[in-house]
Amino acid sequence: MRQDTVYLLGGVQFMSQVDSGRPSDVDDLVTVPLRDVTRELTIRYIGTILGLVPLIPQTDWRWLVNSRIDLRTFNEIS
């Protein structure tokens, strides 16, 4: 490894989907819980990260995926 090399990395936390990713009948959103085996961050090169996933907290370990916003606008603002 050269000392003058800069690596652009990001921490990623993987999640699974509830009900195979089918939206809920109540709010029409997909629920994702934090998996026990992935409570750690995985380090990835930021060029492989497509964007942020907007999550709405449901409980301490479950979130709703907010699919009702324009992701291009969200990524430009954040």
Protein backbone atom coordinates (compact mmCIF):
# COMPACT_ATOMS: atom_id res chain seq x y z
CA MET A 1 0.00 0.00 0.00
CA ARG A 2 1.36 3.40 -0.96
CA GLN A 3 1.21 6.12 1.66
CA ASP A 4 0.00 8.80 -0.78
CA THR A 5 -3.06 6.79 -1.89
CA VAL A 6 -6.51 7.91 -0.73
CA TYR A 7 -9.34 5.38 -0.57
CA LEU A 8 -12.93 6.66 -0.55
CA LEU A 9 -14.84 4.19 1.63
CA GLY A 10 -18.28 4.07 3.21
CA GLY A 11 -19.81 2.04 5.99
CA VAL A 12 -22.80 -0.03 4.84
CA GLN A 13 -25.27 -1.87 7.03
CA PHE A 14 -27.12 -4.68 5.22
CA MET A 15 -30.76 -5.44 6.01
CA SER A 16 -33.23 -8.11 4.99
CA GLN A 17 -36.87 -7.73 3.93
CA VAL A 18 -40.02 -8.76 5.76
CA ASP A 19 -42.53 -10.83 3.71
CA SER A 20 -40.10 -11.17 0.77
CA GLY A 21 -40.21 -7.42 0.20
CA ARG A 22 -43.96 -7.18 -0.39
CA PRO A 23 -45.44 -3.82 0.66
CA SER A 24 -47.73 -3.81 3.68
CA ASP A 25 -51.50 -3.68 3.09
CA VAL A 26 -51.77 -0.91 5.70
CA ASP A 27 -49.21 1.67 4.54
CA ASP A 28 -48.01 0.21 1.21
CA LEU A 29 -44.36 0.34 2.41
CA VAL A 30 -41.73 -2.41 2.70
CA THR A 31 -40.48 -3.26 6.21
CA VAL A 32 -36.82 -4.07 6.86
CA PRO A 33 -35.42 -5.40 10.16
CA LEU A 34 -31.79 -5.27 11.16
CA ARG A 35 -30.37 -8.78 10.83
CA ASP A 36 -28.52 -10.16 13.87
CA VAL A 37 -25.53 -11.22 11.79
CA THR A 38 -25.09 -7.80 10.20
CA ARG A 39 -25.23 -5.39 13.11
CA GLU A 40 -21.68 -4.51 12.13
CA LEU A 41 -20.77 -2.10 9.38
CA THR A 42 -19.37 -3.48 6.15
CA ILE A 43 -16.79 -1.25 4.48
CA ARG A 44 -17.27 -0.68 0.74
CA TYR A 45 -15.72 1.53 -1.92
CA ILE A 46 -18.14 4.45 -2.32
CA GLY A 47 -18.20 4.03 -6.09
CA THR A 48 -20.21 0.84 -5.59
CA ILE A 49 -22.85 2.51 -3.38
CA LEU A 50 -25.81 3.59 -5.51
CA GLY A 51 -27.41 5.93 -2.98
CA LEU A 52 -29.05 6.31 0.39
CA VAL A 53 -32.15 4.41 1.42
CA PRO A 54 -34.66 6.67 3.23
CA LEU A 55 -35.88 4.79 6.31
CA ILE A 56 -38.71 5.63 8.71
CA PRO A 57 -38.20 4.17 12.22
CA GLN A 58 -40.93 1.71 13.21
CA THR A 59 -39.29 0.14 16.30
CA ASP A 60 -35.72 -0.01 17.60
CA TRP A 61 -34.77 -2.72 15.08
CA ARG A 62 -37.34 -2.28 12.27
CA TRP A 63 -37.81 0.43 9.67
CA LEU A 64 -40.14 1.25 6.81
CA VAL A 65 -38.54 1.96 3.43
CA ASN A 66 -39.91 5.32 2.29
CA SER A 67 -40.53 4.66 -1.40
CA ARG A 68 -42.81 7.66 -1.85
CA ILE A 69 -40.14 10.27 -2.40
CA ASP A 70 -38.08 11.14 -5.42
CA LEU A 71 -34.75 9.43 -4.70
CA ARG A 72 -32.83 11.67 -7.12
CA THR A 73 -33.98 14.77 -5.20
CA PHE A 74 -33.30 13.07 -1.85
CA ASN A 75 -29.73 12.16 -2.85
CA GLU A 76 -29.02 15.70 -4.11
CA ILE A 77 -30.25 17.28 -0.86
CA SER A 78 -28.53 14.93 1.59
